[in-house]
């Protein structure tokens, strides 16, 4: 269930309340009886552990695209071809 924050117009106190999405919003301050306004605030959502884009794919963990990999074909970048067929090279 989400935590909703309300601010009282009369006393200025902030009240937090665990409510379902289907619950009606609070209208009366529990401290002074004044009217409440629902606040919009940041959530505290954190991606922890492995299996997330941030830990598995982003940043310095990515392979460098300028380094040739095992799947590169076609020889060197200069385009030179050897005289011997590749099947005879050991």
PDB file of N, CA and C in Angstrom:
ATOM      1  N   UNK A   1       0.845  -1.185   0.000  1.00  0.00           N
ATOM      2  CA  UNK A   1       0.000   0.000   0.000  1.00  0.00           C
ATOM      3  C   UNK A   1       0.887   1.243   0.000  1.00  0.00           C
ATOM      4  N   UNK A   2       0.481   2.251  -0.733  1.00  0.00           N
ATOM      5  CA  UNK A   2       1.276   3.478  -0.777  1.00  0.00           C
ATOM      6  C   UNK A   2       1.078   4.335   0.471  1.00  0.00           C
ATOM      7  N   UNK A   3       2.070   5.153   0.732  1.00  0.00           N
ATOM      8  CA  UNK A   3       2.002   6.119   1.828  1.00  0.00           C
ATOM      9  C   UNK A   3       1.671   7.474   1.213  1.00  0.00           C
ATOM     10  N   UNK A   4       0.591   8.079   1.670  1.00  0.00           N
ATOM     11  CA  UNK A   4       0.188   9.402   1.192  1.00  0.00           C
ATOM     12  C   UNK A   4       0.555  10.435   2.239  1.00  0.00           C
ATOM     13  N   UNK A   5       0.965  11.618   1.776  1.00  0.00           N
ATOM     14  CA  UNK A   5       1.296  12.720   2.664  1.00  0.00           C
ATOM     15  C   UNK A   5       0.282  13.839   2.472  1.00  0.00           C
ATOM     16  N   UNK A   6      -0.149  14.401   3.589  1.00  0.00           N
ATOM     17  CA  UNK A   6      -1.114  15.500   3.584  1.00  0.00           C
ATOM     18  C   UNK A   6      -0.542  16.642   4.404  1.00  0.00           C
ATOM     19  N   UNK A   7      -0.816  17.886   3.975  1.00  0.00           N
ATOM     20  CA  UNK A   7      -0.400  19.063   4.723  1.00  0.00           C
ATOM     21  C   UNK A   7      -1.629  19.840   5.152  1.00  0.00           C
ATOM     22  N   UNK A   8      -1.635  20.253   6.415  1.00  0.00           N
ATOM     23  CA  UNK A   8      -2.757  21.008   6.960  1.00  0.00           C
ATOM     24  C   UNK A   8      -2.624  22.479   6.568  1.00  0.00           C
ATOM     25  N   UNK A   9      -3.715  23.066   6.110  1.00  0.00           N
ATOM     26  CA  UNK A   9      -3.718  24.482   5.732  1.00  0.00           C
ATOM     27  C   UNK A   9      -3.692  25.386   6.959  1.00  0.00           C
ATOM     28  N   UNK A  10      -4.203  24.910   8.102  1.00  0.00           N
ATOM     29  CA  UNK A  10      -4.287  25.734   9.307  1.00  0.00           C
ATOM     30  C   UNK A  10      -2.989  25.700  10.120  1.00  0.00           C
ATOM     31  N   UNK A  11      -2.528  24.502  10.480  1.00  0.00           N
ATOM     32  CA  UNK A  11      -1.361  24.404  11.361  1.00  0.00           C
ATOM     33  C   UNK A  11      -0.061  24.107  10.614  1.00  0.00           C
ATOM     34  N   UNK A  12      -0.127  23.671   9.347  1.00  0.00           N
ATOM     35  CA  UNK A  12       1.068  23.425   8.549  1.00  0.00           C
ATOM     36  C   UNK A  12       1.757  22.096   8.807  1.00  0.00           C
ATOM     37  N   UNK A  13       1.191  21.267   9.669  1.00  0.00           N
ATOM     38  CA  UNK A  13       1.799  19.969   9.963  1.00  0.00           C
ATOM     39  C   UNK A  13       1.566  19.006   8.802  1.00  0.00           C
ATOM     40  N   UNK A  14       2.545  18.118   8.593  1.00  0.00           N
ATOM     41  CA  UNK A  14       2.453  17.105   7.544  1.00  0.00           C
ATOM     42  C   UNK A  14       2.112  15.772   8.190  1.00  0.00           C
ATOM     43  N   UNK A  15       1.106  15.110   7.643  1.00  0.00           N
ATOM     44  CA  UNK A  15       0.630  13.825   8.149  1.00  0.00           C
ATOM     45  C   UNK A  15       0.835  12.766   7.077  1.00  0.00           C
ATOM     46  N   UNK A  16       1.381  11.603   7.482  1.00  0.00           N
ATOM     47  CA  UNK A  16       1.539  10.469   6.570  1.00  0.00           C
ATOM     48  C   UNK A  16       0.490   9.424   6.897  1.00  0.00           C
ATOM     49  N   UNK A  17      -0.059   8.803   5.860  1.00  0.00           N
ATOM     50  CA  UNK A  17      -1.111   7.801   6.061  1.00  0.00           C
ATOM     51  C   UNK A  17      -0.956   6.686   5.041  1.00  0.00           C
ATOM     52  N   UNK A  18      -0.947   5.425   5.509  1.00  0.00           N
ATOM     53  CA  UNK A  18      -0.976   4.257   4.626  1.00  0.00           C
ATOM     54  C   UNK A  18      -2.406   4.084   4.171  1.00  0.00           C
ATOM     55  N   UNK A  19      -2.629   4.122   2.858  1.00  0.00           N
ATOM     56  CA  UNK A  19      -3.978   3.989   2.330  1.00  0.00           C
ATOM     57  C   UNK A  19      -3.974   3.132   1.076  1.00  0.00           C
ATOM     58  N   UNK A  20      -5.096   2.464   0.849  1.00  0.00           N
ATOM     59  CA  UNK A  20      -5.294   1.745  -0.403  1.00  0.00           C
ATOM     60  C   UNK A  20      -5.607   2.768  -1.487  1.00  0.00           C
ATOM     61  N   UNK A  21      -5.459   2.351  -2.741  1.00  0.00           N
ATOM     62  CA  UNK A  21      -5.824   3.240  -3.844  1.00  0.00           C
ATOM     63  C   UNK A  21      -7.316   3.559  -3.821  1.00  0.00           C
ATOM     64  N   UNK A  22      -8.102   2.617  -3.345  1.00  0.00           N
ATOM     65  CA  UNK A  22      -9.555   2.795  -3.342  1.00  0.00           C
ATOM     66  C   UNK A  22     -10.056   3.612  -2.150  1.00  0.00           C
ATOM     67  N   UNK A  23      -9.205   3.882  -1.146  1.00  0.00           N
ATOM     68  CA  UNK A  23      -9.630   4.669   0.019  1.00  0.00           C
ATOM     69  C   UNK A  23      -9.826   6.138  -0.356  1.00  0.00           C
ATOM     70  N   UNK A  24     -10.775   6.764   0.300  1.00  0.00           N
ATOM     71  CA  UNK A  24     -11.019   8.196   0.096  1.00  0.00           C
ATOM     72  C   UNK A  24      -9.892   8.999   0.749  1.00  0.00           C
ATOM     73  N   UNK A  25      -9.476  10.121   0.140  1.00  0.00           N
ATOM     74  CA  UNK A  25      -8.411  10.928   0.740  1.00  0.00           C
ATOM     75  C   UNK A  25      -8.865  11.570   2.045  1.00  0.00           C
ATOM     76  N   UNK A  26      -7.891  11.812   2.936  1.00  0.00           N
ATOM     77  CA  UNK A  26      -8.201  12.484   4.201  1.00  0.00           C
ATOM     78  C   UNK A  26      -8.564  13.937   3.922  1.00  0.00           C
ATOM     79  N   UNK A  27      -9.489  14.470   4.710  1.00  0.00           N
ATOM     80  CA  UNK A  27      -9.917  15.858   4.524  1.00  0.00           C
ATOM     81  C   UNK A  27      -9.741  16.694   5.779  1.00  0.00           C
ATOM     82  N   UNK A  28      -9.624  16.041   6.939  1.00  0.00           N
ATOM     83  CA  UNK A  28      -9.539  16.769   8.207  1.00  0.00           C
ATOM     84  C   UNK A  28      -8.236  16.440   8.922  1.00  0.00           C
ATOM     85  N   UNK A  29      -7.548  17.473   9.400  1.00  0.00           N
ATOM     86  CA  UNK A  29      -6.281  17.315  10.107  1.00  0.00           C
ATOM     87  C   UNK A  29      -6.514  16.623  11.449  1.00  0.00           C
ATOM     88  N   UNK A  30      -5.741  15.571  11.767  1.00  0.00           N
ATOM     89  CA  UNK A  30      -5.910  14.894  13.055  1.00  0.00           C
ATOM     90  C   UNK A  30      -5.400  15.724  14.233  1.00  0.00           C
ATOM     91  N   UNK A  31      -4.591  16.769  13.978  1.00  0.00           N
ATOM     92  CA  UNK A  31      -4.020  17.585  15.049  1.00  0.00           C
ATOM     93  C   UNK A  31      -4.914  18.762  15.433  1.00  0.00           C
ATOM     94  N   UNK A  32      -5.448  19.479  14.418  1.00  0.00           N
ATOM     95  CA  UNK A  32      -6.211  20.689  14.725  1.00  0.00           C
ATOM     96  C   UNK A  32      -7.605  20.721  14.101  1.00  0.00           C
ATOM     97  N   UNK A  33      -7.902  19.791  13.204  1.00  0.00           N
ATOM     98  CA  UNK A  33      -9.211  19.777  12.563  1.00  0.00           C
ATOM     99  C   UNK A  33      -9.303  20.616  11.306  1.00  0.00           C
ATOM    100  N   UNK A  34      -8.189  21.214  10.865  1.00  0.00           N
ATOM    101  CA  UNK A  34      -8.179  22.026   9.650  1.00  0.00           C
ATOM    102  C   UNK A  34      -8.258  21.165   8.396  1.00  0.00           C
ATOM    103  N   UNK A  35      -8.334  21.827   7.248  1.00  0.00           N
ATOM    104  CA  UNK A  35      -8.450  21.083   5.987  1.00  0.00           C
ATOM    105  C   UNK A  35      -7.068  20.629   5.503  1.00  0.00           C
ATOM    106  N   UNK A  36      -7.036  19.438   4.906  1.00  0.00           N
ATOM    107  CA  UNK A  36      -5.790  18.848   4.429  1.00  0.00           C
ATOM    108  C   UNK A  36      -5.686  18.936   2.910  1.00  0.00           C
ATOM    109  N   UNK A  37      -4.458  19.050   2.433  1.00  0.00           N
ATOM    110  CA  UNK A  37      -4.146  19.024   1.011  1.00  0.00           C
ATOM    111  C   UNK A  37      -3.168  17.888   0.768  1.00  0.00           C
ATOM    112  N   UNK A  38      -3.454  17.054  -0.256  1.00  0.00           N
ATOM    113  CA  UNK A  38      -2.564  15.936  -0.566  1.00  0.00           C
ATOM    114  C   UNK A  38      -1.293  16.479  -1.213  1.00  0.00           C
ATOM    115  N   UNK A  39      -0.132  15.999  -0.741  1.00  0.00           N
ATOM    116  CA  UNK A  39       1.155  16.416  -1.277  1.00  0.00           C
ATOM    117  C   UNK A  39       1.666  15.407  -2.299  1.00  0.00           C
ATOM    118  N   UNK A  40       2.450  15.889  -3.231  1.00  0.00           N
ATOM    119  CA  UNK A  40       3.138  15.031  -4.186  1.00  0.00           C
ATOM    120  C   UNK A  40       4.603  15.006  -3.774  1.00  0.00           C
ATOM    121  N   UNK A  41       5.130  13.809  -3.538  1.00  0.00           N
ATOM    122  CA  UNK A  41       6.506  13.693  -3.075  1.00  0.00           C
ATOM    123  C   UNK A  41       7.240  12.602  -3.842  1.00  0.00           C
ATOM    124  N   UNK A  42       8.559  12.560  -3.656  1.00  0.00           N
ATOM    125  CA  UNK A  42       9.395  11.553  -4.307  1.00  0.00           C
ATOM    126  C   UNK A  42       9.202  10.203  -3.637  1.00  0.00           C
ATOM    127  N   UNK A  43       9.357   9.165  -4.424  1.00  0.00           N
ATOM    128  CA  UNK A  43       9.317   7.827  -3.847  1.00  0.00           C
ATOM    129  C   UNK A  43      10.741   7.368  -3.575  1.00  0.00           C
ATOM    130  N   UNK A  44      10.889   6.360  -2.757  1.00  0.00           N
ATOM    131  CA  UNK A  44      12.212   5.843  -2.417  1.00  0.00           C
ATOM    132  C   UNK A  44      12.425   4.483  -3.067  1.00  0.00           C
ATOM    133  N   UNK A  45      12.352   4.444  -4.390  1.00  0.00           N
ATOM    134  CA  UNK A  45      12.506   3.215  -5.148  1.00  0.00           C
ATOM    135  C   UNK A  45      13.970   3.041  -5.520  1.00  0.00           C
ATOM    136  N   UNK A  46      14.571   1.932  -5.122  1.00  0.00           N
ATOM    137  CA  UNK A  46      15.975   1.662  -5.406  1.00  0.00           C
ATOM    138  C   UNK A  46      16.108   0.323  -6.109  1.00  0.00           C
ATOM    139  N   UNK A  47      16.954   0.273  -7.126  1.00  0.00           N
ATOM    140  CA  UNK A  47      17.259  -0.977  -7.808  1.00  0.00           C
ATOM    141  C   UNK A  47      18.480  -1.581  -7.125  1.00  0.00           C
ATOM    142  N   UNK A  48      18.295  -2.688  -6.431  1.00  0.00           N
ATOM    143  CA  UNK A  48      19.393  -3.331  -5.720  1.00  0.00           C
ATOM    144  C   UNK A  48      19.569  -4.748  -6.223  1.00  0.00           C
ATOM    145  N   UNK A  49      20.787  -5.241  -6.143  1.00  0.00           N
ATOM    146  CA  UNK A  49      21.065  -6.608  -6.549  1.00  0.00           C
ATOM    147  C   UNK A  49      21.371  -6.706  -8.027  1.00  0.00           C
ATOM    148  N   UNK A  50      21.528  -7.924  -8.498  1.00  0.00           N
ATOM    149  CA  UNK A  50      21.835  -8.128  -9.910  1.00  0.00           C
ATOM    150  C   UNK A  50      20.550  -8.345 -10.689  1.00  0.00           C
ATOM    151  N   UNK A  51      20.660  -8.299 -11.996  1.00  0.00           N
ATOM    152  CA  UNK A  51      19.499  -8.505 -12.843  1.00  0.00           C
ATOM    153  C   UNK A  51      18.866  -7.228 -13.334  1.00  0.00           C
ATOM    154  N   UNK A  52      19.460  -6.087 -13.043  1.00  0.00           N
ATOM    155  CA  UNK A  52      18.927  -4.808 -13.489  1.00  0.00           C
ATOM    156  C   UNK A  52      19.833  -4.239 -14.562  1.00  0.00           C
ATOM    157  N   UNK A  53      19.308  -3.388 -15.408  1.00  0.00           N
ATOM    158  CA  UNK A  53      20.077  -2.759 -16.477  1.00  0.00           C
ATOM    159  C   UNK A  53      21.273  -2.006 -15.913  1.00  0.00           C
ATOM    160  N   UNK A  54      21.085  -1.318 -14.805  1.00  0.00           N
ATOM    161  CA  UNK A  54      22.142  -0.496 -14.230  1.00  0.00           C
ATOM    162  C   UNK A  54      23.338  -1.347 -13.825  1.00  0.00           C
ATOM    163  N   UNK A  55      23.107  -2.533 -13.260  1.00  0.00           N
ATOM    164  CA  UNK A  55      24.209  -3.359 -12.783  1.00  0.00           C
ATOM    165  C   UNK A  55      24.750  -4.305 -13.839  1.00  0.00           C
ATOM    166  N   UNK A  56      23.937  -4.723 -14.790  1.00  0.00           N
ATOM    167  CA  UNK A  56      24.379  -5.734 -15.740  1.00  0.00           C
ATOM    168  C   UNK A  56      24.817  -5.191 -17.091  1.00  0.00           C
ATOM    169  N   UNK A  57      24.273  -4.081 -17.546  1.00  0.00           N
ATOM    170  CA  UNK A  57      24.538  -3.639 -18.908  1.00  0.00           C
ATOM    171  C   UNK A  57      25.104  -2.232 -19.024  1.00  0.00           C
ATOM    172  N   UNK A  58      24.876  -1.390 -18.087  1.00  0.00           N
ATOM    173  CA  UNK A  58      25.295   0.003 -18.222  1.00  0.00           C
ATOM    174  C   UNK A  58      26.707   0.208 -17.686  1.00  0.00           C
ATOM    175  N   UNK A  59      27.327   1.278 -18.097  1.00  0.00           N
ATOM    176  CA  UNK A  59      28.597   1.686 -17.535  1.00  0.00           C
ATOM    177  C   UNK A  59      29.799   0.949 -18.092  1.00  0.00           C
ATOM    178  N   UNK A  60      30.826   0.789 -17.252  1.00  0.00           N
ATOM    179  CA  UNK A  60      32.098   0.227 -17.681  1.00  0.00           C
ATOM    180  C   UNK A  60      32.061  -1.281 -17.860  1.00  0.00           C
ATOM    181  N   UNK A  61      30.998  -1.952 -17.502  1.00  0.00           N
ATOM    182  CA  UNK A  61      30.903  -3.397 -17.664  1.00  0.00           C
ATOM    183  C   UNK A  61      30.681  -3.800 -19.113  1.00  0.00           C
ATOM    184  N   UNK A  62      30.333  -2.859 -19.958  1.00  0.00           N
ATOM    185  CA  UNK A  62      30.056  -3.160 -21.361  1.00  0.00           C
ATOM    186  C   UNK A  62      31.369  -3.421 -22.086  1.00  0.00           C
ATOM    187  N   UNK A  63      31.399  -4.368 -23.018  1.00  0.00           N
ATOM    188  CA  UNK A  63      32.614  -4.592 -23.796  1.00  0.00           C
ATOM    189  C   UNK A  63      32.878  -3.413 -24.715  1.00  0.00           C
ATOM    190  N   UNK A  64      34.145  -3.131 -24.913  1.00  0.00           N
ATOM    191  CA  UNK A  64      34.538  -2.014 -25.759  1.00  0.00           C
ATOM    192  C   UNK A  64      34.295  -2.379 -27.215  1.00  0.00           C
ATOM    193  N   UNK A  65      33.584  -1.557 -27.951  1.00  0.00           N
ATOM    194  CA  UNK A  65      33.234  -1.878 -29.331  1.00  0.00           C
ATOM    195  C   UNK A  65      34.431  -1.762 -30.268  1.00  0.00           C
ATOM    196  N   UNK A  66      35.509  -1.052 -29.868  1.00  0.00           N
ATOM    197  CA  UNK A  66      36.673  -0.931 -30.729  1.00  0.00           C
ATOM    198  C   UNK A  66      37.586  -2.146 -30.626  1.00  0.00           C
ATOM    199  N   UNK A  67      37.420  -2.974 -29.605  1.00  0.00           N
ATOM    200  CA  UNK A  67      38.216  -4.180 -29.448  1.00  0.00           C
ATOM    201  C   UNK A  67      37.590  -5.290 -30.275  1.00  0.00           C
ATOM    202  N   UNK A  68      38.357  -5.916 -31.188  1.00  0.00           N
ATOM    203  CA  UNK A  68      37.761  -6.989 -31.990  1.00  0.00           C
ATOM    204  C   UNK A  68      37.427  -8.194 -31.126  1.00  0.00           C
ATOM    205  N   UNK A  69      36.293  -8.781 -31.387  1.00  0.00           N
ATOM    206  CA  UNK A  69      35.855  -9.942 -30.627  1.00  0.00           C
ATOM    207  C   UNK A  69      36.131 -11.225 -31.372  1.00  0.00           C
ATOM    208  N   UNK A  70      35.701 -12.332 -30.817  1.00  0.00           N
ATOM    209  CA  UNK A  70      35.914 -13.635 -31.427  1.00  0.00           C
ATOM    210  C   UNK A  70      35.080 -13.807 -32.689  1.00  0.00           C
ATOM    211  N   UNK A  71      33.968 -13.124 -32.780  1.00  0.00           N
ATOM    212  CA  UNK A  71      33.078 -13.312 -33.915  1.00  0.00           C
ATOM    213  C   UNK A  71      33.450 -12.449 -35.121  1.00  0.00           C
ATOM    214  N   UNK A  72      34.480 -11.600 -34.987  1.00  0.00           N
ATOM    215  CA  UNK A  72      34.886 -10.766 -36.115  1.00  0.00           C
ATOM    216  C   UNK A  72      35.493 -11.631 -37.203  1.00  0.00           C
ATOM    217  N   UNK A  73      35.132 -11.396 -38.444  1.00  0.00           N
ATOM    218  CA  UNK A  73      35.656 -12.151 -39.582  1.00  0.00           C
ATOM    219  C   UNK A  73      36.255 -11.181 -40.579  1.00  0.00           C
ATOM    220  N   UNK A  74      37.074 -11.683 -41.464  1.00  0.00           N
ATOM    221  CA  UNK A  74      37.613 -10.841 -42.519  1.00  0.00           C
ATOM    222  C   UNK A  74      39.044 -10.436 -42.297  1.00  0.00           C
ATOM    223  N   UNK A  75      39.712 -10.928 -41.308  1.00  0.00           N
ATOM    224  CA  UNK A  75      41.125 -10.635 -41.110  1.00  0.00           C
ATOM    225  C   UNK A  75      41.345  -9.296 -40.456  1.00  0.00           C
ATOM    226  N   UNK A  76      42.483  -8.690 -40.790  1.00  0.00           N
ATOM    227  CA  UNK A  76      42.859  -7.431 -40.164  1.00  0.00           C
ATOM    228  C   UNK A  76      42.131  -6.264 -40.818  1.00  0.00           C
ATOM    229  N   UNK A  77      42.256  -5.120 -40.190  1.00  0.00           N
ATOM    230  CA  UNK A  77      41.554  -3.946 -40.682  1.00  0.00           C
ATOM    231  C   UNK A  77      42.124  -3.438 -41.997  1.00  0.00           C
ATOM    232  N   UNK A  78      43.380  -3.748 -42.307  1.00  0.00           N
ATOM    233  CA  UNK A  78      44.010  -3.265 -43.528  1.00  0.00           C
ATOM    234  C   UNK A  78      43.487  -3.953 -44.772  1.00  0.00           C
ATOM    235  N   UNK A  79      42.829  -5.070 -44.646  1.00  0.00           N
ATOM    236  CA  UNK A  79      42.265  -5.765 -45.779  1.00  0.00           C
ATOM    237  C   UNK A  79      43.271  -6.622 -46.535  1.00  0.00           C
ATOM    238  N   UNK A  80      44.438  -6.889 -45.960  1.00  0.00           N
ATOM    239  CA  UNK A  80      45.438  -7.712 -46.629  1.00  0.00           C
ATOM    240  C   UNK A  80      45.022  -9.171 -46.593  1.00  0.00           C
ATOM    241  N   UNK A  81      45.305  -9.894 -47.681  1.00  0.00           N
ATOM    242  CA  UNK A  81      44.997 -11.314 -47.741  1.00  0.00           C
ATOM    243  C   UNK A  81      46.306 -12.080 -47.826  1.00  0.00           C
ATOM    244  N   UNK A  82      46.328 -13.235 -47.190  1.00  0.00           N
ATOM    245  CA  UNK A  82      47.528 -14.058 -47.273  1.00  0.00           C
ATOM    246  C   UNK A  82      47.452 -14.957 -48.499  1.00  0.00           C
ATOM    247  N   UNK A  83      48.612 -15.441 -48.948  1.00  0.00           N
ATOM    248  CA  UNK A  83      48.674 -16.303 -50.124  1.00  0.00           C
ATOM    249  C   UNK A  83      48.208 -17.719 -49.822  1.00  0.00           C
ATOM    250  N   UNK A  84      48.307 -18.147 -48.559  1.00  0.00           N
ATOM    251  CA  UNK A  84      47.916 -19.511 -48.208  1.00  0.00           C
ATOM    252  C   UNK A  84      46.467 -19.531 -47.764  1.00  0.00           C
ATOM    253  N   UNK A  85      45.728 -20.552 -48.145  1.00  0.00           N
ATOM    254  CA  UNK A  85      44.340 -20.660 -47.686  1.00  0.00           C
ATOM    255  C   UNK A  85      44.286 -20.825 -46.169  1.00  0.00           C
ATOM    256  N   UNK A  86      43.214 -20.358 -45.561  1.00  0.00           N
ATOM    257  CA  UNK A  86      43.100 -20.389 -44.104  1.00  0.00           C
ATOM    258  C   UNK A  86      43.014 -21.804 -43.554  1.00  0.00           C
ATOM    259  N   UNK A  87      42.627 -22.783 -44.350  1.00  0.00           N
ATOM    260  CA  UNK A  87      42.533 -24.163 -43.881  1.00  0.00           C
ATOM    261  C   UNK A  87      43.904 -24.760 -43.634  1.00  0.00           C
ATOM    262  N   UNK A  88      44.964 -24.259 -44.286  1.00  0.00           N
ATOM    263  CA  UNK A  88      46.297 -24.817 -44.132  1.00  0.00           C
ATOM    264  C   UNK A  88      47.060 -24.168 -42.992  1.00  0.00           C
ATOM    265  N   UNK A  89      46.610 -23.076 -42.451  1.00  0.00           N
ATOM    266  CA  UNK A  89      47.299 -22.398 -41.354  1.00  0.00           C
ATOM    267  C   UNK A  89      47.056 -23.168 -40.074  1.00  0.00           C
ATOM    268  N   UNK A  90      48.177 -23.483 -39.361  1.00  0.00           N
ATOM    269  CA  UNK A  90      48.062 -24.231 -38.101  1.00  0.00           C
ATOM    270  C   UNK A  90      48.658 -23.459 -36.969  1.00  0.00           C
TER     271      UNK A  90
END
